[in-house]
Each structure stands twice: as structure tokens, then as C-alpha cells.
Amino acid sequence: MASTPVPASTRAVPAALLVAYGLIWGALAVAPRHRADWWLENVLVFVAIPLLVWSSSRLRLRNISYVALFVFFVFHAIGSHYTYSEVPIDAWCQSLFGVSPSDACAFERNHYDRLVHFLYGLLAIPATLDIVDARAPTTRLWRWLLAVGFVTSHSLLYELIEWGAAVVFGGDLRMAFLGTQGDVWDAQKDMALALLGSAMAATAMGRSGLTGEALAPSIPAP
């Protein structure tokens, strides 16, 4: 079956996001706090971004999916620049809003990494639903369970890769890359937040009707 032509205005959205991300990523690639950790963190970028560009002609995601992934990758780029455990989120919030999250909520650690794991679950769901609908279409509850399971399994895979890299490299790089900040349950909490984010996104999209052709008449048929 032939795919529906993609309007030029629609094609421009992911192209503009790619350019914007390239500029942001390039700026944050200059003098990161821990260069070796920056390289490890950006393995995800070096794999995911080319894959998204390459696959765009075979599976055109919805614009909302590209926007969501763009937001996630920007947060990831910030974490890579500072290392996740050292992102000065308290200082930024104090400057912008006059309140420190750590002081207000009595946090004993930097929770930027937890925020990004939650955002991964939240922001990866639109693209995951596009893939499910195009490559493994199903209906009703199974559609949502498959999408949430897909995202959560990638969160688990990332934690395993993170653990393996820490074992191989050791030393200061291990501590910077893991960013557990002394929490022995860090990996489990990260995965739980990714699950929570994906479940919230799937529920919100399902209840609001932001799915399927309503947002993406240009997704090619498989």
C-alpha cells in the first residue's frame, strides 16, 4: 500500500527540531564537567539520532512524537554536560523562582537524574505508539500495555548497560556515570519512574484521544 504524501510543512517540523537540537547539543558539548562521562552518556545520542533520521523515510512519526523526543534529548544533553548528579537545578530554581527544590522538599540528593528517567517514560510514549500502530497493530488495552512495556524494557536495558559500563571502567568515571549518590536502590527507582511516566502518558493520551490519525495523517503504512 502506498504511503500518504507528507506535506512540506509537516516535514519541516522534524528538520527544524534536528537543527535546534544540534545547536543545543553542540553548545553543551563544549567543556563538559567530566569529558569521559560525557562520551559515555552520549552513546545514546550517537545511536538514537542517526537511527531516527535514517528510519524517518520508512516510518514517519507524528510531529508530537518528534517534539517529545526533542525535549527528552535536550534534558539528556544538559545532564551529560554537568553529569547528572551535578546539574545545578537547585541554583537555577532559586534564581528563577526564589525557591530551592532541595530545601522545599528536604531532598538529600540531586534528583535531576530521577526527573530525566521520569521524562523518558513520559516523552517516549508518543513515538512508541507510532511504532506499535505501524509495525505491530493491536487494539484496546493491549495497545497501551505493549507501548508501556516497550518503554519500560528499554529503561531496564539502559540500567543493565550502565551497570556493565561501571564494572568495566571503574574509578571516578564509574561514580560519575552511575550517579547513584549513595542510594543502593537507585536503578530500581529510576526504572519505577520511567514506568510511572510511561503509564501517565499512555493514560493521558488515551483519555484525550491524542492518538492515531488524529495527529498524524502522514504516517506511511507498513
N, C-alpha and C. Protein backbone atom coordinates (compact mmCIF):
# COMPACT_ATOMS: atom_id res chain seq x y z
N MET A 1 0.84 -1.19 0.00
CA MET A 1 0.00 0.00 0.00
C MET A 1 0.88 1.25 0.00
N ALA A 2 0.55 2.19 -0.86
CA ALA A 2 1.35 3.42 -0.94
C ALA A 2 1.09 4.29 0.27
N SER A 3 2.15 5.00 0.70
CA SER A 3 2.00 5.89 1.85
C SER A 3 1.42 7.22 1.41
N THR A 4 0.79 7.87 2.34
CA THR A 4 0.23 9.19 2.07
C THR A 4 1.36 10.21 1.99
N PRO A 5 1.40 11.05 0.95
CA PRO A 5 2.46 12.05 0.86
C PRO A 5 2.51 12.93 2.10
N VAL A 6 3.73 13.24 2.51
CA VAL A 6 3.93 14.09 3.69
C VAL A 6 4.06 15.54 3.25
N PRO A 7 3.17 16.44 3.69
CA PRO A 7 3.25 17.84 3.31
C PRO A 7 4.59 18.45 3.71
N ALA A 8 5.04 19.41 2.91
CA ALA A 8 6.33 20.06 3.20
C ALA A 8 6.33 20.71 4.57
N SER A 9 5.19 21.31 4.95
CA SER A 9 5.10 21.97 6.26
C SER A 9 5.27 20.97 7.40
N THR A 10 4.80 19.73 7.16
CA THR A 10 4.93 18.68 8.17
C THR A 10 6.36 18.17 8.23
N ARG A 11 7.00 18.02 7.06
CA ARG A 11 8.39 17.56 7.03
C ARG A 11 9.32 18.58 7.68
N ALA A 12 8.93 19.84 7.67
CA ALA A 12 9.80 20.88 8.21
C ALA A 12 9.95 20.79 9.72
N VAL A 13 8.96 20.23 10.39
CA VAL A 13 9.00 20.20 11.86
C VAL A 13 10.16 19.35 12.38
N PRO A 14 10.28 18.07 11.99
CA PRO A 14 11.42 17.31 12.50
C PRO A 14 12.76 17.86 12.03
N ALA A 15 12.81 18.44 10.84
CA ALA A 15 14.06 19.03 10.35
C ALA A 15 14.47 20.21 11.22
N ALA A 16 13.51 21.05 11.57
CA ALA A 16 13.80 22.20 12.44
C ALA A 16 14.23 21.75 13.83
N LEU A 17 13.57 20.71 14.34
CA LEU A 17 13.94 20.18 15.66
C LEU A 17 15.34 19.60 15.64
N LEU A 18 15.70 18.94 14.56
CA LEU A 18 17.04 18.36 14.43
C LEU A 18 18.10 19.45 14.44
N VAL A 19 17.85 20.52 13.71
CA VAL A 19 18.80 21.64 13.68
C VAL A 19 18.91 22.29 15.07
N ALA A 20 17.76 22.52 15.69
CA ALA A 20 17.77 23.13 17.02
C ALA A 20 18.50 22.26 18.03
N TYR A 21 18.26 20.96 17.96
CA TYR A 21 18.95 20.07 18.89
C TYR A 21 20.45 20.05 18.62
N GLY A 22 20.82 20.06 17.34
CA GLY A 22 22.24 20.08 17.01
C GLY A 22 22.94 21.29 17.59
N LEU A 23 22.29 22.44 17.55
CA LEU A 23 22.88 23.66 18.11
C LEU A 23 23.00 23.56 19.64
N ILE A 24 21.94 23.07 20.28
CA ILE A 24 21.97 22.93 21.74
C ILE A 24 23.01 21.90 22.16
N TRP A 25 23.01 20.76 21.49
CA TRP A 25 23.96 19.70 21.81
C TRP A 25 25.39 20.18 21.59
N GLY A 26 25.62 20.90 20.49
CA GLY A 26 26.96 21.40 20.22
C GLY A 26 27.45 22.36 21.29
N ALA A 27 26.56 23.24 21.74
CA ALA A 27 26.94 24.19 22.79
C ALA A 27 27.27 23.46 24.09
N LEU A 28 26.49 22.44 24.42
CA LEU A 28 26.71 21.70 25.66
C LEU A 28 27.85 20.70 25.55
N ALA A 29 28.32 20.45 24.33
CA ALA A 29 29.47 19.56 24.15
C ALA A 29 30.79 20.26 24.47
N VAL A 30 30.75 21.59 24.58
CA VAL A 30 31.96 22.37 24.87
C VAL A 30 32.25 22.31 26.36
N ALA A 31 33.44 21.87 26.70
CA ALA A 31 33.93 21.85 28.09
C ALA A 31 32.94 21.24 29.09
N PRO A 32 32.50 19.99 28.87
CA PRO A 32 31.65 19.35 29.88
C PRO A 32 32.43 19.13 31.17
N ARG A 33 31.72 18.95 32.25
CA ARG A 33 32.37 18.83 33.56
C ARG A 33 33.23 17.59 33.66
N HIS A 34 32.83 16.50 32.99
CA HIS A 34 33.58 15.24 33.05
C HIS A 34 33.56 14.65 31.65
N ARG A 35 34.61 14.90 30.86
CA ARG A 35 34.61 14.55 29.44
C ARG A 35 34.39 13.05 29.21
N ALA A 36 35.03 12.20 30.00
CA ALA A 36 34.88 10.76 29.79
C ALA A 36 33.43 10.33 30.03
N ASP A 37 32.81 10.88 31.07
CA ASP A 37 31.40 10.58 31.33
C ASP A 37 30.52 11.12 30.20
N TRP A 38 30.88 12.29 29.67
CA TRP A 38 30.12 12.87 28.55
C TRP A 38 30.10 11.92 27.35
N TRP A 39 31.24 11.31 27.06
CA TRP A 39 31.30 10.36 25.96
C TRP A 39 30.37 9.17 26.21
N LEU A 40 30.41 8.64 27.42
CA LEU A 40 29.55 7.50 27.73
C LEU A 40 28.07 7.87 27.64
N GLU A 41 27.72 9.01 28.21
CA GLU A 41 26.32 9.43 28.18
C GLU A 41 25.83 9.63 26.75
N ASN A 42 26.71 10.06 25.86
CA ASN A 42 26.29 10.40 24.50
C ASN A 42 26.31 9.22 23.53
N VAL A 43 26.65 8.04 24.03
CA VAL A 43 26.47 6.85 23.19
C VAL A 43 25.01 6.74 22.77
N LEU A 44 24.10 7.05 23.70
CA LEU A 44 22.67 7.06 23.38
C LEU A 44 22.35 7.99 22.22
N VAL A 45 22.94 9.18 22.23
CA VAL A 45 22.69 10.16 21.18
C VAL A 45 23.28 9.70 19.85
N PHE A 46 24.51 9.16 19.90
CA PHE A 46 25.18 8.73 18.68
C PHE A 46 24.45 7.58 17.99
N VAL A 47 23.69 6.82 18.75
CA VAL A 47 22.91 5.71 18.17
C VAL A 47 21.51 6.18 17.80
N ALA A 48 20.83 6.87 18.72
CA ALA A 48 19.41 7.17 18.54
C ALA A 48 19.13 8.21 17.46
N ILE A 49 19.90 9.29 17.43
CA ILE A 49 19.62 10.35 16.46
C ILE A 49 19.82 9.89 15.02
N PRO A 50 20.95 9.27 14.67
CA PRO A 50 21.07 8.75 13.30
C PRO A 50 19.99 7.73 12.95
N LEU A 51 19.60 6.91 13.94
CA LEU A 51 18.56 5.91 13.68
C LEU A 51 17.22 6.59 13.39
N LEU A 52 16.91 7.64 14.12
CA LEU A 52 15.67 8.37 13.87
C LEU A 52 15.67 9.02 12.49
N VAL A 53 16.81 9.59 12.10
CA VAL A 53 16.91 10.22 10.78
C VAL A 53 16.79 9.17 9.69
N TRP A 54 17.52 8.06 9.84
CA TRP A 54 17.51 7.00 8.83
C TRP A 54 16.13 6.39 8.66
N SER A 55 15.43 6.18 9.77
CA SER A 55 14.14 5.49 9.72
C SER A 55 12.98 6.42 9.36
N SER A 56 13.22 7.72 9.30
CA SER A 56 12.11 8.65 9.06
C SER A 56 11.43 8.44 7.72
N SER A 57 12.17 7.97 6.72
CA SER A 57 11.56 7.73 5.42
C SER A 57 10.77 6.43 5.39
N ARG A 58 11.02 5.55 6.36
CA ARG A 58 10.33 4.26 6.43
C ARG A 58 9.18 4.29 7.41
N LEU A 59 9.33 5.08 8.47
CA LEU A 59 8.26 5.22 9.44
C LEU A 59 8.24 6.66 9.91
N ARG A 60 7.32 7.42 9.36
CA ARG A 60 7.21 8.85 9.69
C ARG A 60 6.41 9.00 10.97
N LEU A 61 7.11 9.38 12.04
CA LEU A 61 6.42 9.59 13.31
C LEU A 61 5.58 10.86 13.27
N ARG A 62 4.67 10.99 14.22
CA ARG A 62 3.88 12.20 14.33
C ARG A 62 4.76 13.35 14.82
N ASN A 63 4.38 14.56 14.49
CA ASN A 63 5.14 15.72 14.96
C ASN A 63 5.19 15.79 16.48
N ILE A 64 4.10 15.41 17.14
CA ILE A 64 4.10 15.42 18.60
C ILE A 64 5.15 14.46 19.15
N SER A 65 5.39 13.36 18.44
CA SER A 65 6.40 12.40 18.86
C SER A 65 7.80 12.98 18.74
N TYR A 66 8.05 13.67 17.61
CA TYR A 66 9.37 14.30 17.43
C TYR A 66 9.60 15.40 18.46
N VAL A 67 8.57 16.17 18.76
CA VAL A 67 8.71 17.23 19.76
C VAL A 67 9.02 16.63 21.13
N ALA A 68 8.30 15.57 21.49
CA ALA A 68 8.53 14.92 22.79
C ALA A 68 9.95 14.37 22.89
N LEU A 69 10.43 13.73 21.83
CA LEU A 69 11.79 13.20 21.84
C LEU A 69 12.82 14.33 21.91
N PHE A 70 12.55 15.42 21.23
CA PHE A 70 13.43 16.58 21.27
C PHE A 70 13.59 17.09 22.71
N VAL A 71 12.47 17.22 23.41
CA VAL A 71 12.52 17.70 24.80
C VAL A 71 13.34 16.75 25.66
N PHE A 72 13.11 15.44 25.51
CA PHE A 72 13.87 14.47 26.29
C PHE A 72 15.37 14.57 26.01
N PHE A 73 15.74 14.66 24.74
CA PHE A 73 17.16 14.71 24.40
C PHE A 73 17.82 16.00 24.87
N VAL A 74 17.08 17.09 24.95
CA VAL A 74 17.65 18.32 25.49
C VAL A 74 17.96 18.14 26.98
N PHE A 75 17.03 17.56 27.72
CA PHE A 75 17.28 17.29 29.14
C PHE A 75 18.48 16.35 29.31
N HIS A 76 18.58 15.38 28.43
CA HIS A 76 19.71 14.45 28.48
C HIS A 76 21.02 15.17 28.18
N ALA A 77 21.00 16.08 27.22
CA ALA A 77 22.21 16.83 26.88
C ALA A 77 22.70 17.67 28.06
N ILE A 78 21.76 18.25 28.79
CA ILE A 78 22.11 19.04 29.98
C ILE A 78 22.76 18.14 31.03
N GLY A 79 22.14 16.97 31.26
CA GLY A 79 22.70 16.03 32.21
C GLY A 79 24.08 15.55 31.81
N SER A 80 24.29 15.34 30.52
CA SER A 80 25.60 14.89 30.04
C SER A 80 26.66 15.96 30.24
N HIS A 81 26.28 17.21 30.08
CA HIS A 81 27.24 18.30 30.22
C HIS A 81 27.75 18.42 31.65
N TYR A 82 26.84 18.37 32.61
CA TYR A 82 27.22 18.59 34.01
C TYR A 82 27.56 17.30 34.75
N THR A 83 27.19 16.15 34.21
CA THR A 83 26.97 14.86 34.86
C THR A 83 25.68 14.99 35.66
N TYR A 84 24.90 13.93 35.62
CA TYR A 84 23.55 14.01 36.15
C TYR A 84 23.49 14.39 37.63
N SER A 85 24.44 13.92 38.40
CA SER A 85 24.38 14.19 39.84
C SER A 85 24.84 15.60 40.20
N GLU A 86 25.34 16.36 39.21
CA GLU A 86 25.87 17.69 39.49
C GLU A 86 25.16 18.81 38.73
N VAL A 87 24.06 18.51 38.08
CA VAL A 87 23.29 19.56 37.39
C VAL A 87 22.79 20.56 38.44
N PRO A 88 23.09 21.84 38.28
CA PRO A 88 22.75 22.83 39.33
C PRO A 88 21.29 23.24 39.30
N ILE A 89 20.41 22.27 39.40
CA ILE A 89 18.98 22.56 39.28
C ILE A 89 18.49 23.39 40.46
N ASP A 90 19.08 23.19 41.64
CA ASP A 90 18.68 23.99 42.80
C ASP A 90 19.01 25.47 42.59
N ALA A 91 20.21 25.73 42.08
CA ALA A 91 20.63 27.11 41.85
C ALA A 91 19.75 27.77 40.79
N TRP A 92 19.40 27.02 39.74
CA TRP A 92 18.54 27.57 38.70
C TRP A 92 17.15 27.90 39.25
N CYS A 93 16.57 26.99 40.00
CA CYS A 93 15.23 27.23 40.55
C CYS A 93 15.26 28.39 41.55
N GLN A 94 16.33 28.47 42.33
CA GLN A 94 16.45 29.57 43.29
C GLN A 94 16.51 30.90 42.57
N SER A 95 17.26 30.92 41.44
CA SER A 95 17.40 32.15 40.67
C SER A 95 16.09 32.54 39.96
N LEU A 96 15.39 31.54 39.41
CA LEU A 96 14.19 31.82 38.63
C LEU A 96 12.94 32.01 39.48
N PHE A 97 12.81 31.16 40.52
CA PHE A 97 11.56 31.14 41.28
C PHE A 97 11.73 31.52 42.75
N GLY A 98 12.96 31.73 43.16
CA GLY A 98 13.21 32.12 44.53
C GLY A 98 13.05 31.00 45.54
N VAL A 99 13.08 29.74 45.07
CA VAL A 99 12.94 28.61 45.97
C VAL A 99 13.82 27.47 45.48
N SER A 100 14.41 26.76 46.41
CA SER A 100 15.24 25.60 46.09
C SER A 100 14.43 24.33 46.30
N PRO A 101 14.33 23.45 45.28
CA PRO A 101 13.58 22.20 45.46
C PRO A 101 14.11 21.36 46.61
N SER A 102 15.43 21.34 46.78
CA SER A 102 16.00 20.54 47.87
C SER A 102 15.59 21.07 49.23
N ASP A 103 15.58 22.41 49.37
CA ASP A 103 15.16 23.00 50.64
C ASP A 103 13.66 22.82 50.86
N ALA A 104 12.88 23.03 49.82
CA ALA A 104 11.43 22.97 49.95
C ALA A 104 10.94 21.55 50.25
N CYS A 105 11.60 20.55 49.65
CA CYS A 105 11.15 19.16 49.80
C CYS A 105 12.07 18.32 50.67
N ALA A 106 13.08 18.96 51.27
CA ALA A 106 14.03 18.26 52.16
C ALA A 106 14.73 17.12 51.43
N PHE A 107 15.09 17.35 50.16
CA PHE A 107 15.82 16.35 49.40
C PHE A 107 17.24 16.23 49.94
N GLU A 108 17.76 15.01 49.95
CA GLU A 108 19.13 14.78 50.40
C GLU A 108 20.06 14.46 49.24
N ARG A 109 19.55 14.51 48.03
CA ARG A 109 20.37 14.24 46.84
C ARG A 109 19.87 15.09 45.69
N ASN A 110 20.65 15.14 44.63
CA ASN A 110 20.24 15.82 43.41
C ASN A 110 19.34 14.88 42.62
N HIS A 111 18.12 15.29 42.38
CA HIS A 111 17.14 14.41 41.73
C HIS A 111 16.99 14.67 40.23
N TYR A 112 17.95 15.35 39.62
CA TYR A 112 17.83 15.61 38.18
C TYR A 112 17.79 14.29 37.41
N ASP A 113 18.59 13.31 37.80
CA ASP A 113 18.59 12.03 37.09
C ASP A 113 17.23 11.36 37.18
N ARG A 114 16.59 11.46 38.36
CA ARG A 114 15.26 10.86 38.51
C ARG A 114 14.25 11.57 37.61
N LEU A 115 14.38 12.89 37.51
CA LEU A 115 13.49 13.66 36.63
C LEU A 115 13.61 13.18 35.19
N VAL A 116 14.84 12.97 34.73
CA VAL A 116 15.04 12.57 33.33
C VAL A 116 14.54 11.15 33.08
N HIS A 117 14.68 10.25 34.04
CA HIS A 117 14.12 8.90 33.87
C HIS A 117 12.60 8.97 33.78
N PHE A 118 11.99 9.82 34.59
CA PHE A 118 10.54 10.01 34.51
C PHE A 118 10.15 10.59 33.15
N LEU A 119 10.93 11.58 32.70
CA LEU A 119 10.63 12.21 31.41
C LEU A 119 10.81 11.23 30.25
N TYR A 120 11.76 10.30 30.39
CA TYR A 120 11.92 9.31 29.33
C TYR A 120 10.62 8.51 29.16
N GLY A 121 10.09 8.02 30.29
CA GLY A 121 8.83 7.29 30.19
C GLY A 121 7.71 8.14 29.65
N LEU A 122 7.64 9.39 30.10
CA LEU A 122 6.56 10.29 29.70
C LEU A 122 6.66 10.66 28.21
N LEU A 123 7.87 10.95 27.75
CA LEU A 123 8.05 11.53 26.42
C LEU A 123 8.33 10.50 25.32
N ALA A 124 8.63 9.28 25.68
CA ALA A 124 8.88 8.26 24.66
C ALA A 124 7.59 7.57 24.22
N ILE A 125 6.53 7.71 24.98
CA ILE A 125 5.29 7.00 24.67
C ILE A 125 4.69 7.41 23.31
N PRO A 126 4.62 8.70 22.94
CA PRO A 126 4.04 9.02 21.63
C PRO A 126 4.74 8.32 20.48
N ALA A 127 6.07 8.33 20.46
CA ALA A 127 6.80 7.65 19.39
C ALA A 127 6.60 6.14 19.46
N THR A 128 6.54 5.60 20.66
CA THR A 128 6.33 4.16 20.82
C THR A 128 4.97 3.74 20.28
N LEU A 129 3.95 4.55 20.53
CA LEU A 129 2.63 4.24 19.99
C LEU A 129 2.63 4.28 18.46
N ASP A 130 3.40 5.21 17.88
CA ASP A 130 3.52 5.25 16.42
C ASP A 130 4.11 3.95 15.89
N ILE A 131 5.15 3.45 16.58
CA ILE A 131 5.80 2.21 16.14
C ILE A 131 4.86 1.03 16.30
N VAL A 132 4.16 0.97 17.43
CA VAL A 132 3.21 -0.12 17.66
C VAL A 132 2.11 -0.11 16.60
N ASP A 133 1.56 1.06 16.32
CA ASP A 133 0.47 1.16 15.35
C ASP A 133 0.92 0.77 13.94
N ALA A 134 2.17 1.08 13.60
CA ALA A 134 2.65 0.83 12.25
C ALA A 134 3.20 -0.58 12.07
N ARG A 135 3.81 -1.15 13.12
CA ARG A 135 4.52 -2.42 12.95
C ARG A 135 3.88 -3.59 13.68
N ALA A 136 3.16 -3.32 14.74
CA ALA A 136 2.52 -4.40 15.49
C ALA A 136 1.15 -3.94 15.96
N PRO A 137 0.27 -3.60 15.01
CA PRO A 137 -1.02 -3.01 15.39
C PRO A 137 -1.85 -3.96 16.24
N THR A 138 -2.42 -3.42 17.28
CA THR A 138 -3.32 -4.17 18.15
C THR A 138 -4.38 -3.21 18.64
N THR A 139 -5.28 -3.67 19.45
CA THR A 139 -6.41 -2.83 19.85
C THR A 139 -6.58 -2.79 21.35
N ARG A 140 -7.32 -1.80 21.79
CA ARG A 140 -7.75 -1.65 23.17
C ARG A 140 -6.58 -1.71 24.14
N LEU A 141 -6.75 -2.47 25.23
CA LEU A 141 -5.79 -2.44 26.32
C LEU A 141 -4.41 -2.91 25.89
N TRP A 142 -4.35 -3.90 24.99
CA TRP A 142 -3.06 -4.43 24.58
C TRP A 142 -2.20 -3.38 23.90
N ARG A 143 -2.81 -2.46 23.20
CA ARG A 143 -2.05 -1.39 22.54
C ARG A 143 -1.27 -0.58 23.55
N TRP A 144 -1.91 -0.24 24.65
CA TRP A 144 -1.28 0.58 25.68
C TRP A 144 -0.28 -0.23 26.49
N LEU A 145 -0.62 -1.47 26.80
CA LEU A 145 0.30 -2.31 27.55
C LEU A 145 1.58 -2.58 26.76
N LEU A 146 1.43 -2.79 25.46
CA LEU A 146 2.60 -3.04 24.63
C LEU A 146 3.51 -1.81 24.59
N ALA A 147 2.92 -0.63 24.46
CA ALA A 147 3.72 0.59 24.42
C ALA A 147 4.42 0.84 25.75
N VAL A 148 3.71 0.71 26.86
CA VAL A 148 4.31 0.93 28.18
C VAL A 148 5.39 -0.11 28.44
N GLY A 149 5.13 -1.37 28.09
CA GLY A 149 6.12 -2.42 28.27
C GLY A 149 7.37 -2.19 27.44
N PHE A 150 7.19 -1.69 26.23
CA PHE A 150 8.32 -1.40 25.35
C PHE A 150 9.22 -0.33 25.97
N VAL A 151 8.63 0.74 26.46
CA VAL A 151 9.40 1.82 27.07
C VAL A 151 10.09 1.34 28.34
N THR A 152 9.36 0.63 29.19
CA THR A 152 9.91 0.17 30.46
C THR A 152 11.05 -0.82 30.24
N SER A 153 10.93 -1.67 29.23
CA SER A 153 12.00 -2.63 28.96
C SER A 153 13.28 -1.92 28.53
N HIS A 154 13.15 -0.80 27.82
CA HIS A 154 14.33 -0.04 27.44
C HIS A 154 14.96 0.64 28.66
N SER A 155 14.14 1.03 29.62
CA SER A 155 14.68 1.58 30.86
C SER A 155 15.51 0.52 31.59
N LEU A 156 15.00 -0.71 31.63
CA LEU A 156 15.74 -1.81 32.24
C LEU A 156 17.04 -2.07 31.48
N LEU A 157 16.97 -2.09 30.15
CA LEU A 157 18.16 -2.33 29.34
C LEU A 157 19.22 -1.26 29.59
N TYR A 158 18.80 0.00 29.71
CA TYR A 158 19.75 1.08 29.97
C TYR A 158 20.43 0.88 31.32
N GLU A 159 19.68 0.48 32.34
CA GLU A 159 20.28 0.27 33.66
C GLU A 159 21.30 -0.86 33.61
N LEU A 160 21.03 -1.91 32.83
CA LEU A 160 21.98 -3.01 32.70
C LEU A 160 23.25 -2.55 31.98
N ILE A 161 23.07 -1.74 30.93
CA ILE A 161 24.23 -1.21 30.20
C ILE A 161 25.04 -0.29 31.11
N GLU A 162 24.34 0.52 31.88
CA GLU A 162 25.00 1.44 32.82
C GLU A 162 25.82 0.65 33.84
N TRP A 163 25.24 -0.41 34.38
CA TRP A 163 25.95 -1.27 35.34
C TRP A 163 27.17 -1.91 34.69
N GLY A 164 27.01 -2.44 33.47
CA GLY A 164 28.13 -3.06 32.78
C GLY A 164 29.27 -2.09 32.51
N ALA A 165 28.93 -0.87 32.09
CA ALA A 165 29.95 0.14 31.84
C ALA A 165 30.68 0.51 33.12
N ALA A 166 29.94 0.59 34.22
CA ALA A 166 30.56 0.93 35.50
C ALA A 166 31.54 -0.15 35.94
N VAL A 167 31.18 -1.42 35.70
CA VAL A 167 32.08 -2.52 36.06
C VAL A 167 33.35 -2.47 35.22
N VAL A 168 33.20 -2.17 33.94
CA VAL A 168 34.35 -2.15 33.03
C VAL A 168 35.28 -0.98 33.32
N PHE A 169 34.74 0.22 33.53
CA PHE A 169 35.58 1.42 33.63
C PHE A 169 36.02 1.72 35.06
N GLY A 170 35.16 1.53 36.03
CA GLY A 170 35.53 1.73 37.43
C GLY A 170 35.97 3.16 37.75
N GLY A 171 36.49 3.35 38.96
CA GLY A 171 37.06 4.62 39.38
C GLY A 171 36.07 5.77 39.38
N ASP A 172 36.60 6.97 39.16
CA ASP A 172 35.77 8.18 39.16
C ASP A 172 34.74 8.16 38.04
N LEU A 173 35.11 7.57 36.90
CA LEU A 173 34.17 7.51 35.78
C LEU A 173 32.96 6.67 36.15
N ARG A 174 33.17 5.59 36.87
CA ARG A 174 32.04 4.76 37.30
C ARG A 174 31.08 5.57 38.16
N MET A 175 31.62 6.32 39.11
CA MET A 175 30.77 7.10 40.01
C MET A 175 30.02 8.20 39.26
N ALA A 176 30.71 8.84 38.31
CA ALA A 176 30.06 9.91 37.54
C ALA A 176 28.95 9.36 36.65
N PHE A 177 29.20 8.19 36.04
CA PHE A 177 28.25 7.63 35.10
C PHE A 177 27.04 7.03 35.81
N LEU A 178 27.28 6.32 36.90
CA LEU A 178 26.17 5.72 37.64
C LEU A 178 25.33 6.78 38.34
N GLY A 179 25.99 7.73 39.01
CA GLY A 179 25.27 8.80 39.68
C GLY A 179 24.30 8.33 40.74
N THR A 180 24.64 7.25 41.44
CA THR A 180 23.71 6.71 42.44
C THR A 180 23.63 7.59 43.68
N GLN A 181 24.66 8.37 43.93
CA GLN A 181 24.71 9.27 45.09
C GLN A 181 24.42 8.52 46.40
N GLY A 182 24.96 7.31 46.48
CA GLY A 182 24.85 6.53 47.71
C GLY A 182 23.57 5.75 47.88
N ASP A 183 22.67 5.78 46.91
CA ASP A 183 21.39 5.09 47.01
C ASP A 183 21.50 3.71 46.37
N VAL A 184 21.43 2.65 47.18
CA VAL A 184 21.59 1.29 46.65
C VAL A 184 20.39 0.87 45.80
N TRP A 185 19.27 1.58 45.92
CA TRP A 185 18.07 1.28 45.13
C TRP A 185 17.91 2.24 43.97
N ASP A 186 18.96 2.89 43.58
CA ASP A 186 18.87 3.92 42.55
C ASP A 186 18.32 3.36 41.23
N ALA A 187 18.84 2.23 40.78
CA ALA A 187 18.39 1.66 39.50
C ALA A 187 16.91 1.32 39.54
N GLN A 188 16.47 0.72 40.64
CA GLN A 188 15.06 0.34 40.75
C GLN A 188 14.15 1.57 40.76
N LYS A 189 14.57 2.61 41.45
CA LYS A 189 13.77 3.84 41.50
C LYS A 189 13.72 4.50 40.12
N ASP A 190 14.85 4.48 39.40
CA ASP A 190 14.87 5.05 38.05
C ASP A 190 13.90 4.32 37.13
N MET A 191 13.91 2.99 37.19
CA MET A 191 13.01 2.20 36.35
C MET A 191 11.55 2.42 36.75
N ALA A 192 11.31 2.55 38.05
CA ALA A 192 9.94 2.80 38.50
C ALA A 192 9.43 4.14 37.99
N LEU A 193 10.30 5.14 37.97
CA LEU A 193 9.88 6.46 37.48
C LEU A 193 9.63 6.43 35.97
N ALA A 194 10.44 5.67 35.23
CA ALA A 194 10.18 5.52 33.80
C ALA A 194 8.84 4.83 33.56
N LEU A 195 8.54 3.81 34.37
CA LEU A 195 7.24 3.13 34.28
C LEU A 195 6.10 4.09 34.61
N LEU A 196 6.28 4.88 35.67
CA LEU A 196 5.26 5.85 36.05
C LEU A 196 5.02 6.87 34.94
N GLY A 197 6.10 7.40 34.38
CA GLY A 197 5.97 8.39 33.31
C GLY A 197 5.26 7.82 32.09
N SER A 198 5.63 6.59 31.69
CA SER A 198 5.01 5.99 30.51
C SER A 198 3.54 5.68 30.76
N ALA A 199 3.21 5.21 31.96
CA ALA A 199 1.81 4.92 32.28
C ALA A 199 0.97 6.19 32.29
N MET A 200 1.54 7.27 32.84
CA MET A 200 0.82 8.55 32.87
C MET A 200 0.60 9.07 31.45
N ALA A 201 1.63 8.98 30.60
CA ALA A 201 1.50 9.48 29.22
C ALA A 201 0.47 8.67 28.45
N ALA A 202 0.53 7.33 28.58
CA ALA A 202 -0.41 6.48 27.87
C ALA A 202 -1.84 6.74 28.33
N THR A 203 -2.02 6.91 29.64
CA THR A 203 -3.35 7.19 30.17
C THR A 203 -3.88 8.54 29.67
N ALA A 204 -3.01 9.55 29.73
CA ALA A 204 -3.43 10.88 29.29
C ALA A 204 -3.77 10.91 27.81
N MET A 205 -2.96 10.24 26.99
CA MET A 205 -3.22 10.22 25.54
C MET A 205 -4.48 9.44 25.23
N GLY A 206 -4.68 8.35 25.95
CA GLY A 206 -5.87 7.55 25.72
C GLY A 206 -7.15 8.29 26.08
N ARG A 207 -7.12 9.02 27.19
CA ARG A 207 -8.31 9.73 27.64
C ARG A 207 -8.59 10.98 26.81
N SER A 208 -7.52 11.57 26.24
CA SER A 208 -7.71 12.80 25.47
C SER A 208 -7.92 12.55 23.99
N GLY A 209 -7.69 11.31 23.56
CA GLY A 209 -7.87 10.98 22.15
C GLY A 209 -6.73 11.42 21.27
N LEU A 210 -5.55 11.75 21.86
CA LEU A 210 -4.40 12.19 21.07
C LEU A 210 -3.63 10.99 20.55
N THR A 211 -4.25 10.24 19.66
CA THR A 211 -3.64 9.04 19.11
C THR A 211 -3.98 8.91 17.65
N GLY A 212 -3.25 8.02 17.00
CA GLY A 212 -3.57 7.62 15.64
C GLY A 212 -3.65 8.75 14.63
N GLU A 213 -4.58 8.60 13.70
CA GLU A 213 -4.68 9.52 12.58
C GLU A 213 -5.07 10.94 12.99
N ALA A 214 -5.60 11.10 14.20
CA ALA A 214 -6.00 12.43 14.64
C ALA A 214 -4.83 13.39 14.65
N LEU A 215 -3.64 12.85 14.84
CA LEU A 215 -2.46 13.71 14.89
C LEU A 215 -1.50 13.46 13.74
N ALA A 216 -1.65 12.38 13.04
CA ALA A 216 -0.62 12.02 12.06
C ALA A 216 -1.21 11.35 10.83
N PRO A 217 -1.87 12.10 9.98
CA PRO A 217 -2.37 11.51 8.75
C PRO A 217 -1.27 11.11 7.78
N SER A 218 -0.01 11.45 8.09
CA SER A 218 1.08 11.20 7.15
C SER A 218 1.92 10.00 7.50
N ILE A 219 1.54 9.19 8.51
CA ILE A 219 2.33 8.02 8.82
C ILE A 219 2.20 7.00 7.72
N PRO A 220 3.30 6.56 7.08
CA PRO A 220 3.19 5.59 6.00
C PRO A 220 2.67 4.26 6.50
N ALA A 221 1.96 3.59 5.67
CA ALA A 221 1.51 2.24 6.00
C ALA A 221 2.69 1.29 5.93
N PRO A 222 2.71 0.21 6.74
CA PRO A 222 3.82 -0.72 6.71
C PRO A 222 3.84 -1.50 5.42
